[in-house]
Amino acid sequence: MRWLVTGGTGFLGGRLVAALRARGDDVTVLSRSAGAGKDGERIVPWTPTREGPWVDEVARADAVVHLAGAAVADKRWTDERVAELRSSRVVPTALVARAIAASASRPRVFVSASAAGIYGMRKDDDVFTEDGAHGTDVLAEICEAWEAAAEPARAAGVRVVHPRTGLVLGTEGGILARMLPPFRAFVGGPIGDGKQWISWVHIDDAVRAILFAAETDAIAGPFNVTAPHPVTMNDLARELGHVLGRPAVLRVPAAALRVAVGSGLAEAILTGQRAVPRALERAGFAFRFPELRAALENLLPRR
């Protein structure tokens, strides 16, 4: 297959591109810089806020995977930062969707990223499948607008799927990479009261789920990219400590977190969603790492 990928140099996108190249597919990555990628993919320059020569690449693609967007937890959530989080998702998505709709030869599928945050920053134990109610907070609103921006491609008859990704576990980025240094230094522990739900997924399963949805015609619309068994923050800290052979008792107080990262981002970290992958399981997808301990043991093998 011929794939066009945005966000293909990021944490998840890089692993997706490597997986595609490993199986012999043709991959073009839209990036701010041109050249040849390290895994043999072609890199085409683009500006994610306006059309350019990159739109011609859409006509070559069998599948378009759009993963680009500013990282949620890298900076304090000032009003300007929240606006950037929204615009970095909505504007490029609408741009790519319009390019697909206008293309003389359209791709078979448009994989347009979303997140489990669409269910809201929750403090309860409710379980969310893809048809669950959306939240009303800023994170949920951003995700709703993000998905809606893909409408031009859907209206043009292209199958559109939205991977609502949870917290992706990998050692190169995401929540696990942030938690490892304090745990390895014997000062790790849960964040806040530890009761918030973590809808996690092993990075290999996240990549496999995206590919599965792209190649499975029965999947359309949103699908949760989360392992079947979400855990609480307390569970995550305990299992991580067990796998590393480290204590997991030095809790990060909520007040200290708010001082460190600001109240907006702290609220996102101190809450969560208990999302489960109903759509993937119904379509026959099998997780390699449905349980947290096995996932962590794979990512952090004992020396």
C-alpha atoms as a PDB file:
ATOM      1  CA  MET A   1       0.000   0.000   0.000  1.00  0.00           C
ATOM      2  CA  ARG A   2       0.947   3.617  -0.420  1.00  0.00           C
ATOM      3  CA  TRP A   3       0.642   5.628   2.786  1.00  0.00           C
ATOM      4  CA  LEU A   4       0.735   9.354   3.449  1.00  0.00           C
ATOM      5  CA  VAL A   5       1.470  10.160   7.100  1.00  0.00           C
ATOM      6  CA  THR A   6       1.523  13.408   9.051  1.00  0.00           C
ATOM      7  CA  GLY A   7       3.144  13.424  12.476  1.00  0.00           C
ATOM      8  CA  GLY A   8       5.366  10.619  11.192  1.00  0.00           C
ATOM      9  CA  THR A   9       8.436  11.810  13.091  1.00  0.00           C
ATOM     10  CA  GLY A  10       6.732  11.819  16.497  1.00  0.00           C
ATOM     11  CA  PHE A  11       6.553   9.223  19.271  1.00  0.00           C
ATOM     12  CA  LEU A  12       3.660   7.187  17.849  1.00  0.00           C
ATOM     13  CA  GLY A  13       3.975   8.266  14.234  1.00  0.00           C
ATOM     14  CA  GLY A  14       7.623   7.257  14.064  1.00  0.00           C
ATOM     15  CA  ARG A  15       6.803   3.742  15.205  1.00  0.00           C
ATOM     16  CA  LEU A  16       3.938   3.550  12.706  1.00  0.00           C
ATOM     17  CA  VAL A  17       6.180   4.603   9.826  1.00  0.00           C
ATOM     18  CA  ALA A  18       8.835   2.064  10.867  1.00  0.00           C
ATOM     19  CA  ALA A  19       6.202  -0.701  10.957  1.00  0.00           C
ATOM     20  CA  LEU A  20       4.957   0.209   7.481  1.00  0.00           C
ATOM     21  CA  ARG A  21       8.451   0.262   6.042  1.00  0.00           C
ATOM     22  CA  ALA A  22       9.283  -3.065   7.723  1.00  0.00           C
ATOM     23  CA  ARG A  23       6.479  -4.761   5.847  1.00  0.00           C
ATOM     24  CA  GLY A  24       7.519  -3.183   2.529  1.00  0.00           C
ATOM     25  CA  ASP A  25       4.869  -0.499   2.085  1.00  0.00           C
ATOM     26  CA  ASP A  26       5.522   2.808   0.340  1.00  0.00           C
ATOM     27  CA  VAL A  27       5.489   5.653   2.883  1.00  0.00           C
ATOM     28  CA  THR A  28       5.533   9.410   2.403  1.00  0.00           C
ATOM     29  CA  VAL A  29       5.751  11.606   5.497  1.00  0.00           C
ATOM     30  CA  LEU A  30       4.607  15.207   5.517  1.00  0.00           C
ATOM     31  CA  SER A  31       7.077  17.171   7.618  1.00  0.00           C
ATOM     32  CA  ARG A  32       8.367  20.704   8.052  1.00  0.00           C
ATOM     33  CA  SER A  33      11.651  19.599   6.472  1.00  0.00           C
ATOM     34  CA  ALA A  34      12.326  17.588   3.305  1.00  0.00           C
ATOM     35  CA  GLY A  35      14.737  14.728   2.691  1.00  0.00           C
ATOM     36  CA  ALA A  36      15.004  10.993   3.150  1.00  0.00           C
ATOM     37  CA  GLY A  37      13.797   9.402   6.377  1.00  0.00           C
ATOM     38  CA  LYS A  38      15.943   7.083   8.465  1.00  0.00           C
ATOM     39  CA  ASP A  39      13.775   4.057   7.593  1.00  0.00           C
ATOM     40  CA  GLY A  40      13.670   4.794   3.868  1.00  0.00           C
ATOM     41  CA  GLU A  41      10.437   6.760   3.771  1.00  0.00           C
ATOM     42  CA  ARG A  42      10.167   9.833   1.575  1.00  0.00           C
ATOM     43  CA  ILE A  43       9.708  13.114   3.419  1.00  0.00           C
ATOM     44  CA  VAL A  44       7.795  15.933   1.746  1.00  0.00           C
ATOM     45  CA  PRO A  45       7.740  19.433   3.260  1.00  0.00           C
ATOM     46  CA  TRP A  46       4.447  20.917   4.342  1.00  0.00           C
ATOM     47  CA  THR A  47       3.108  23.798   6.365  1.00  0.00           C
ATOM     48  CA  PRO A  48       0.167  22.446   8.394  1.00  0.00           C
ATOM     49  CA  THR A  49      -1.724  25.741   8.201  1.00  0.00           C
ATOM     50  CA  ARG A  50      -1.965  26.206   4.441  1.00  0.00           C
ATOM     51  CA  GLU A  51      -2.123  24.363   1.162  1.00  0.00           C
ATOM     52  CA  GLY A  52       1.004  23.767  -0.868  1.00  0.00           C
ATOM     53  CA  PRO A  53       2.594  21.278  -3.272  1.00  0.00           C
ATOM     54  CA  TRP A  54       2.063  18.577  -0.622  1.00  0.00           C
ATOM     55  CA  VAL A  55      -1.605  18.288  -1.631  1.00  0.00           C
ATOM     56  CA  ASP A  56      -0.490  16.445  -4.774  1.00  0.00           C
ATOM     57  CA  GLU A  57       0.674  13.592  -2.529  1.00  0.00           C
ATOM     58  CA  VAL A  58      -2.926  12.873  -1.532  1.00  0.00           C
ATOM     59  CA  ALA A  59      -3.742  11.574  -5.002  1.00  0.00           C
ATOM     60  CA  ARG A  60      -0.905   9.009  -4.739  1.00  0.00           C
ATOM     61  CA  ALA A  61      -2.022   7.562  -1.416  1.00  0.00           C
ATOM     62  CA  ASP A  62      -4.149   4.526  -0.705  1.00  0.00           C
ATOM     63  CA  ALA A  63      -4.399   5.634   2.924  1.00  0.00           C
ATOM     64  CA  VAL A  64      -3.813   8.934   4.720  1.00  0.00           C
ATOM     65  CA  VAL A  65      -2.908   8.841   8.418  1.00  0.00           C
ATOM     66  CA  HIS A  66      -3.055  12.201  10.157  1.00  0.00           C
ATOM     67  CA  LEU A  67      -1.393  12.239  13.585  1.00  0.00           C
ATOM     68  CA  ALA A  68       0.024  15.763  13.761  1.00  0.00           C
ATOM     69  CA  GLY A  69      -0.758  17.990  16.767  1.00  0.00           C
ATOM     70  CA  ALA A  70       0.993  19.832  19.597  1.00  0.00           C
ATOM     71  CA  ALA A  71       1.845  17.719  22.647  1.00  0.00           C
ATOM     72  CA  VAL A  72      -0.750  18.088  25.410  1.00  0.00           C
ATOM     73  CA  ALA A  73       1.521  17.868  28.455  1.00  0.00           C
ATOM     74  CA  ASP A  74       4.664  19.693  27.327  1.00  0.00           C
ATOM     75  CA  LYS A  75       3.741  23.186  28.574  1.00  0.00           C
ATOM     76  CA  ARG A  76       1.483  24.977  31.065  1.00  0.00           C
ATOM     77  CA  TRP A  77      -2.060  25.472  29.869  1.00  0.00           C
ATOM     78  CA  THR A  78      -2.234  29.228  29.472  1.00  0.00           C
ATOM     79  CA  ASP A  79      -5.071  30.582  27.340  1.00  0.00           C
ATOM     80  CA  GLU A  80      -2.594  30.862  24.478  1.00  0.00           C
ATOM     81  CA  ARG A  81      -1.409  27.287  24.924  1.00  0.00           C
ATOM     82  CA  VAL A  82      -4.939  25.890  24.967  1.00  0.00           C
ATOM     83  CA  ALA A  83      -5.683  27.819  21.777  1.00  0.00           C
ATOM     84  CA  GLU A  84      -2.531  26.312  20.255  1.00  0.00           C
ATOM     85  CA  LEU A  85      -3.553  22.787  21.287  1.00  0.00           C
ATOM     86  CA  ARG A  86      -6.880  23.308  19.551  1.00  0.00           C
ATOM     87  CA  SER A  87      -5.622  24.999  16.392  1.00  0.00           C
ATOM     88  CA  SER A  88      -2.732  22.538  15.911  1.00  0.00           C
ATOM     89  CA  ARG A  89      -5.337  19.781  15.666  1.00  0.00           C
ATOM     90  CA  VAL A  90      -8.350  21.342  14.021  1.00  0.00           C
ATOM     91  CA  VAL A  91      -6.689  23.487  11.349  1.00  0.00           C
ATOM     92  CA  PRO A  92      -4.402  20.808   9.827  1.00  0.00           C
ATOM     93  CA  THR A  93      -7.164  18.179  10.008  1.00  0.00           C
ATOM     94  CA  ALA A  94      -9.561  20.396   8.075  1.00  0.00           C
ATOM     95  CA  LEU A  95      -6.801  21.198   5.590  1.00  0.00           C
ATOM     96  CA  VAL A  96      -5.992  17.534   4.924  1.00  0.00           C
ATOM     97  CA  ALA A  97      -9.697  16.610   4.764  1.00  0.00           C
ATOM     98  CA  ARG A  98     -10.360  19.312   2.181  1.00  0.00           C
ATOM     99  CA  ALA A  99      -7.352  18.175   0.155  1.00  0.00           C
ATOM    100  CA  ILE A 100      -8.727  14.627   0.169  1.00  0.00           C
ATOM    101  CA  ALA A 101     -12.177  15.813  -0.905  1.00  0.00           C
ATOM    102  CA  ALA A 102     -10.711  17.867  -3.753  1.00  0.00           C
ATOM    103  CA  SER A 103      -8.353  15.145  -4.995  1.00  0.00           C
ATOM    104  CA  ALA A 104      -9.027  13.571  -8.373  1.00  0.00           C
ATOM    105  CA  SER A 105      -7.943  10.212  -6.938  1.00  0.00           C
ATOM    106  CA  ARG A 106      -9.000   9.845  -3.320  1.00  0.00           C
ATOM    107  CA  PRO A 107      -7.508   7.472  -0.741  1.00  0.00           C
ATOM    108  CA  ARG A 108      -9.543   4.513   0.453  1.00  0.00           C
ATOM    109  CA  VAL A 109      -9.338   5.594   4.076  1.00  0.00           C
ATOM    110  CA  PHE A 110      -8.530   8.662   6.149  1.00  0.00           C
ATOM    111  CA  VAL A 111      -7.218   7.860   9.625  1.00  0.00           C
ATOM    112  CA  SER A 112      -7.706  11.112  11.515  1.00  0.00           C
ATOM    113  CA  ALA A 113      -6.404  11.101  15.079  1.00  0.00           C
ATOM    114  CA  SER A 114      -8.441  11.840  18.182  1.00  0.00           C
ATOM    115  CA  ALA A 115      -8.063  10.997  21.869  1.00  0.00           C
ATOM    116  CA  ALA A 116      -9.849   9.333  24.769  1.00  0.00           C
ATOM    117  CA  GLY A 117     -10.019  12.797  26.300  1.00  0.00           C
ATOM    118  CA  ILE A 118     -13.239  13.264  24.339  1.00  0.00           C
ATOM    119  CA  TYR A 119     -15.037  11.509  27.226  1.00  0.00           C
ATOM    120  CA  GLY A 120     -13.960  14.295  29.562  1.00  0.00           C
ATOM    121  CA  MET A 121     -11.635  14.767  32.505  1.00  0.00           C
ATOM    122  CA  ARG A 122     -13.391  12.298  34.797  1.00  0.00           C
ATOM    123  CA  LYS A 123     -13.152  11.468  38.495  1.00  0.00           C
ATOM    124  CA  ASP A 124     -15.704   8.652  38.472  1.00  0.00           C
ATOM    125  CA  ASP A 125     -15.581   4.952  37.569  1.00  0.00           C
ATOM    126  CA  ASP A 126     -17.852   5.110  34.510  1.00  0.00           C
ATOM    127  CA  VAL A 127     -16.788   2.906  31.604  1.00  0.00           C
ATOM    128  CA  PHE A 128     -16.731   4.484  28.136  1.00  0.00           C
ATOM    129  CA  THR A 129     -17.194   2.708  24.840  1.00  0.00           C
ATOM    130  CA  GLU A 130     -17.193   4.576  21.542  1.00  0.00           C
ATOM    131  CA  ASP A 131     -20.859   5.543  21.866  1.00  0.00           C
ATOM    132  CA  GLY A 132     -20.360   6.976  25.370  1.00  0.00           C
ATOM    133  CA  ALA A 133     -21.287  10.544  26.255  1.00  0.00           C
ATOM    134  CA  HIS A 134     -18.692  13.200  25.587  1.00  0.00           C
ATOM    135  CA  GLY A 135     -17.309  15.467  28.268  1.00  0.00           C
ATOM    136  CA  THR A 136     -17.963  19.185  28.528  1.00  0.00           C
ATOM    137  CA  ASP A 137     -14.484  20.406  29.511  1.00  0.00           C
ATOM    138  CA  VAL A 138     -11.858  22.024  27.300  1.00  0.00           C
ATOM    139  CA  LEU A 139     -10.093  18.757  26.471  1.00  0.00           C
ATOM    140  CA  ALA A 140     -13.325  17.113  25.331  1.00  0.00           C
ATOM    141  CA  GLU A 141     -14.262  20.171  23.290  1.00  0.00           C
ATOM    142  CA  ILE A 142     -10.909  20.110  21.507  1.00  0.00           C
ATOM    143  CA  CYS A 143     -11.364  16.426  20.657  1.00  0.00           C
ATOM    144  CA  GLU A 144     -14.889  17.002  19.341  1.00  0.00           C
ATOM    145  CA  ALA A 145     -13.710  19.813  17.084  1.00  0.00           C
ATOM    146  CA  TRP A 146     -10.744  17.669  16.011  1.00  0.00           C
ATOM    147  CA  GLU A 147     -13.015  14.857  14.818  1.00  0.00           C
ATOM    148  CA  ALA A 148     -15.529  17.230  13.217  1.00  0.00           C
ATOM    149  CA  ALA A 149     -12.764  18.822  11.139  1.00  0.00           C
ATOM    150  CA  ALA A 150     -12.470  15.601   9.100  1.00  0.00           C
ATOM    151  CA  GLU A 151     -16.026  15.995   7.758  1.00  0.00           C
ATOM    152  CA  PRO A 152     -15.059  17.152   4.204  1.00  0.00           C
ATOM    153  CA  ALA A 153     -13.366  13.796   3.554  1.00  0.00           C
ATOM    154  CA  ARG A 154     -16.329  11.882   4.965  1.00  0.00           C
ATOM    155  CA  ALA A 155     -18.766  13.916   2.886  1.00  0.00           C
ATOM    156  CA  ALA A 156     -16.707  13.095  -0.223  1.00  0.00           C
ATOM    157  CA  GLY A 157     -17.326   9.383   0.364  1.00  0.00           C
ATOM    158  CA  VAL A 158     -13.994   8.447   1.952  1.00  0.00           C
ATOM    159  CA  ARG A 159     -14.087   6.086   4.929  1.00  0.00           C
ATOM    160  CA  VAL A 160     -12.927   8.099   7.936  1.00  0.00           C
ATOM    161  CA  VAL A 161     -11.779   6.487  11.176  1.00  0.00           C
ATOM    162  CA  HIS A 162     -10.824   8.260  14.382  1.00  0.00           C
ATOM    163  CA  PRO A 163      -8.407   6.445  16.717  1.00  0.00           C
ATOM    164  CA  ARG A 164      -9.302   7.781  20.163  1.00  0.00           C
ATOM    165  CA  THR A 165      -5.930   7.038  21.649  1.00  0.00           C
ATOM    166  CA  GLY A 166      -5.346   6.659  25.362  1.00  0.00           C
ATOM    167  CA  LEU A 167      -1.986   7.030  27.094  1.00  0.00           C
ATOM    168  CA  VAL A 168       0.529   5.235  24.902  1.00  0.00           C
ATOM    169  CA  LEU A 169       3.190   3.333  26.852  1.00  0.00           C
ATOM    170  CA  GLY A 170       6.690   3.349  25.416  1.00  0.00           C
ATOM    171  CA  THR A 171      10.160   4.203  26.623  1.00  0.00           C
ATOM    172  CA  GLU A 172      10.777   6.899  23.983  1.00  0.00           C
ATOM    173  CA  GLY A 173       7.981   9.236  25.028  1.00  0.00           C
ATOM    174  CA  GLY A 174       4.624   9.677  26.750  1.00  0.00           C
ATOM    175  CA  ILE A 175       3.712   9.075  30.380  1.00  0.00           C
ATOM    176  CA  LEU A 176       6.027   6.097  30.911  1.00  0.00           C
ATOM    177  CA  ALA A 177       9.125   7.988  29.807  1.00  0.00           C
ATOM    178  CA  ARG A 178       8.229  10.754  32.286  1.00  0.00           C
ATOM    179  CA  MET A 179       7.697   8.351  35.175  1.00  0.00           C
ATOM    180  CA  LEU A 180      10.837   6.253  34.682  1.00  0.00           C
ATOM    181  CA  PRO A 181      13.505   8.670  35.995  1.00  0.00           C
ATOM    182  CA  PRO A 182      11.978   9.193  39.469  1.00  0.00           C
ATOM    183  CA  PHE A 183      11.149   5.500  39.822  1.00  0.00           C
ATOM    184  CA  ARG A 184      14.674   4.493  38.863  1.00  0.00           C
ATOM    185  CA  ALA A 185      15.948   7.006  41.428  1.00  0.00           C
ATOM    186  CA  PHE A 186      13.792   5.348  44.139  1.00  0.00           C
ATOM    187  CA  VAL A 187      11.513   8.411  44.461  1.00  0.00           C
ATOM    188  CA  GLY A 188       8.568   7.290  42.307  1.00  0.00           C
ATOM    189  CA  GLY A 189       4.928   6.977  43.237  1.00  0.00           C
ATOM    190  CA  PRO A 190       1.354   7.795  42.197  1.00  0.00           C
ATOM    191  CA  ILE A 191       0.292  11.277  41.130  1.00  0.00           C
ATOM    192  CA  GLY A 192      -2.435  12.851  43.257  1.00  0.00           C
ATOM    193  CA  ASP A 193      -4.768  10.500  45.099  1.00  0.00           C
ATOM    194  CA  GLY A 194      -4.056   7.835  42.470  1.00  0.00           C
ATOM    195  CA  LYS A 195      -7.732   7.065  41.894  1.00  0.00           C
ATOM    196  CA  GLN A 196      -7.866   8.546  38.394  1.00  0.00           C
ATOM    197  CA  TRP A 197      -8.312   6.010  35.607  1.00  0.00           C
ATOM    198  CA  ILE A 198      -5.530   5.456  33.087  1.00  0.00           C
ATOM    199  CA  SER A 199      -6.681   4.192  29.690  1.00  0.00           C
ATOM    200  CA  TRP A 200      -3.298   2.919  28.551  1.00  0.00           C
ATOM    201  CA  VAL A 201      -2.060   1.006  25.515  1.00  0.00           C
ATOM    202  CA  HIS A 202       1.306  -0.554  24.616  1.00  0.00           C
ATOM    203  CA  ILE A 203       2.840   1.360  21.707  1.00  0.00           C
ATOM    204  CA  ASP A 204       3.039  -1.798  19.579  1.00  0.00           C
ATOM    205  CA  ASP A 205      -0.681  -2.431  20.051  1.00  0.00           C
ATOM    206  CA  ALA A 206      -1.420   1.225  19.255  1.00  0.00           C
ATOM    207  CA  VAL A 207       0.406   0.895  15.930  1.00  0.00           C
ATOM    208  CA  ARG A 208      -1.263  -2.443  15.178  1.00  0.00           C
ATOM    209  CA  ALA A 209      -4.699  -1.020  16.002  1.00  0.00           C
ATOM    210  CA  ILE A 210      -4.259   1.916  13.638  1.00  0.00           C
ATOM    211  CA  LEU A 211      -3.170  -0.389  10.819  1.00  0.00           C
ATOM    212  CA  PHE A 212      -5.999  -2.822  11.573  1.00  0.00           C
ATOM    213  CA  ALA A 213      -8.618  -0.060  11.429  1.00  0.00           C
ATOM    214  CA  ALA A 214      -7.157   1.373   8.238  1.00  0.00           C
ATOM    215  CA  GLU A 215      -7.380  -2.017   6.551  1.00  0.00           C
ATOM    216  CA  THR A 216     -10.719  -3.184   7.988  1.00  0.00           C
ATOM    217  CA  ASP A 217     -13.646  -1.823   6.006  1.00  0.00           C
ATOM    218  CA  ALA A 218     -16.085  -2.702   8.792  1.00  0.00           C
ATOM    219  CA  ILE A 219     -14.566  -0.011  11.029  1.00  0.00           C
ATOM    220  CA  ALA A 220     -15.781   3.537  10.472  1.00  0.00           C
ATOM    221  CA  GLY A 221     -15.887   6.528  12.769  1.00  0.00           C
ATOM    222  CA  PRO A 222     -14.320   6.485  16.239  1.00  0.00           C
ATOM    223  CA  PHE A 223     -12.593   3.542  17.874  1.00  0.00           C
ATOM    224  CA  ASN A 224     -10.855   3.516  21.242  1.00  0.00           C
ATOM    225  CA  VAL A 225      -7.142   2.703  21.056  1.00  0.00           C
ATOM    226  CA  THR A 226      -6.867   1.563  24.648  1.00  0.00           C
ATOM    227  CA  ALA A 227      -6.051  -1.785  26.226  1.00  0.00           C
ATOM    228  CA  PRO A 228      -9.073  -3.849  27.380  1.00  0.00           C
ATOM    229  CA  HIS A 229      -8.159  -3.406  31.046  1.00  0.00           C
ATOM    230  CA  PRO A 230      -7.723   0.210  32.178  1.00  0.00           C
ATOM    231  CA  VAL A 231      -6.043   0.754  35.541  1.00  0.00           C
ATOM    232  CA  THR A 232      -5.926   3.486  38.143  1.00  0.00           C
ATOM    233  CA  MET A 233      -2.866   5.647  38.695  1.00  0.00           C
ATOM    234  CA  ASN A 234      -2.267   3.698  41.923  1.00  0.00           C
ATOM    235  CA  ASP A 235      -2.242   0.473  39.897  1.00  0.00           C
ATOM    236  CA  LEU A 236       0.128   1.920  37.314  1.00  0.00           C
ATOM    237  CA  ALA A 237       2.600   3.095  39.965  1.00  0.00           C
ATOM    238  CA  ARG A 238       2.458  -0.222  41.810  1.00  0.00           C
ATOM    239  CA  GLU A 239       3.019  -2.305  38.660  1.00  0.00           C
ATOM    240  CA  LEU A 240       5.798  -0.038  37.439  1.00  0.00           C
ATOM    241  CA  GLY A 241       7.534  -0.299  40.805  1.00  0.00           C
ATOM    242  CA  HIS A 242       7.175  -4.093  40.732  1.00  0.00           C
ATOM    243  CA  VAL A 243       8.671  -4.417  37.250  1.00  0.00           C
ATOM    244  CA  LEU A 244      11.550  -2.072  38.062  1.00  0.00           C
ATOM    245  CA  GLY A 245      12.134  -3.520  41.516  1.00  0.00           C
ATOM    246  CA  ARG A 246      11.587  -0.100  43.065  1.00  0.00           C
ATOM    247  CA  PRO A 247       9.265   1.285  45.752  1.00  0.00           C
ATOM    248  CA  ALA A 248       6.186   3.190  44.613  1.00  0.00           C
ATOM    249  CA  VAL A 249       5.236   5.037  47.778  1.00  0.00           C
ATOM    250  CA  LEU A 250       6.335   8.658  47.293  1.00  0.00           C
ATOM    251  CA  ARG A 251       3.070  10.196  46.127  1.00  0.00           C
ATOM    252  CA  VAL A 252       3.116  13.468  44.158  1.00  0.00           C
ATOM    253  CA  PRO A 253       0.654  15.762  46.005  1.00  0.00           C
ATOM    254  CA  ALA A 254      -2.010  17.434  43.876  1.00  0.00           C
ATOM    255  CA  ALA A 255      -1.058  20.851  45.265  1.00  0.00           C
ATOM    256  CA  ALA A 256       2.584  20.377  44.273  1.00  0.00           C
ATOM    257  CA  LEU A 257       1.558  19.304  40.771  1.00  0.00           C
ATOM    258  CA  ARG A 258      -0.591  22.435  40.348  1.00  0.00           C
ATOM    259  CA  VAL A 259       2.354  24.601  41.321  1.00  0.00           C
ATOM    260  CA  ALA A 260       4.660  22.738  38.933  1.00  0.00           C
ATOM    261  CA  VAL A 261       2.495  22.631  35.785  1.00  0.00           C
ATOM    262  CA  GLY A 262      -0.423  24.991  36.421  1.00  0.00           C
ATOM    263  CA  SER A 263      -4.012  24.265  37.362  1.00  0.00           C
ATOM    264  CA  GLY A 264      -5.300  23.467  33.864  1.00  0.00           C
ATOM    265  CA  LEU A 265      -2.761  20.811  32.940  1.00  0.00           C
ATOM    266  CA  ALA A 266      -2.768  19.506  36.519  1.00  0.00           C
ATOM    267  CA  GLU A 267      -6.523  18.905  36.270  1.00  0.00           C
ATOM    268  CA  ALA A 268      -5.987  16.810  33.142  1.00  0.00           C
ATOM    269  CA  ILE A 269      -3.324  14.742  34.920  1.00  0.00           C
ATOM    270  CA  LEU A 270      -5.338  14.324  38.118  1.00  0.00           C
ATOM    271  CA  THR A 271      -8.368  13.030  36.211  1.00  0.00           C
ATOM    272  CA  GLY A 272      -8.785  10.431  33.491  1.00  0.00           C
ATOM    273  CA  GLN A 273     -11.128   8.234  31.489  1.00  0.00           C
ATOM    274  CA  ARG A 274     -11.987   4.560  31.812  1.00  0.00           C
ATOM    275  CA  ALA A 275     -12.244   3.789  28.098  1.00  0.00           C
ATOM    276  CA  VAL A 276     -12.432   0.296  26.601  1.00  0.00           C
ATOM    277  CA  PRO A 277     -11.871  -0.827  22.964  1.00  0.00           C
ATOM    278  CA  ARG A 278     -15.338  -2.147  22.124  1.00  0.00           C
ATOM    279  CA  ALA A 279     -15.147  -1.340  18.388  1.00  0.00           C
ATOM    280  CA  LEU A 280     -11.761  -2.995  17.897  1.00  0.00           C
ATOM    281  CA  GLU A 281     -12.754  -6.133  19.766  1.00  0.00           C
ATOM    282  CA  ARG A 282     -16.019  -6.451  17.837  1.00  0.00           C
ATOM    283  CA  ALA A 283     -14.037  -6.244  14.599  1.00  0.00           C
ATOM    284  CA  GLY A 284     -11.756  -9.085  15.737  1.00  0.00           C
ATOM    285  CA  PHE A 285      -8.642  -7.210  16.837  1.00  0.00           C
ATOM    286  CA  ALA A 286      -6.513  -9.126  19.346  1.00  0.00           C
ATOM    287  CA  PHE A 287      -4.266  -7.208  21.727  1.00  0.00           C
ATOM    288  CA  ARG A 288      -0.800  -8.583  22.305  1.00  0.00           C
ATOM    289  CA  PHE A 289      -0.638  -6.793  25.639  1.00  0.00           C
ATOM    290  CA  PRO A 290      -4.100  -6.648  27.234  1.00  0.00           C
ATOM    291  CA  GLU A 291      -2.670  -6.607  30.789  1.00  0.00           C
ATOM    292  CA  LEU A 292      -0.494  -3.855  32.225  1.00  0.00           C
ATOM    293  CA  ARG A 293       2.183  -5.986  33.884  1.00  0.00           C
ATOM    294  CA  ALA A 294       2.947  -7.914  30.712  1.00  0.00           C
ATOM    295  CA  ALA A 295       3.118  -4.655  28.776  1.00  0.00           C
ATOM    296  CA  LEU A 296       5.578  -3.137  31.242  1.00  0.00           C
ATOM    297  CA  GLU A 297       7.680  -6.302  31.354  1.00  0.00           C
ATOM    298  CA  ASN A 298       7.945  -6.192  27.566  1.00  0.00           C
ATOM    299  CA  LEU A 299       8.943  -2.540  27.535  1.00  0.00           C
ATOM    300  CA  LEU A 300      11.268  -2.785  30.542  1.00  0.00           C
ATOM    301  CA  PRO A 301      12.951  -6.199  30.429  1.00  0.00           C
ATOM    302  CA  ARG A 302      15.095  -6.996  33.432  1.00  0.00           C
ATOM    303  CA  ARG A 303      18.807  -6.818  32.786  1.00  0.00           C
END
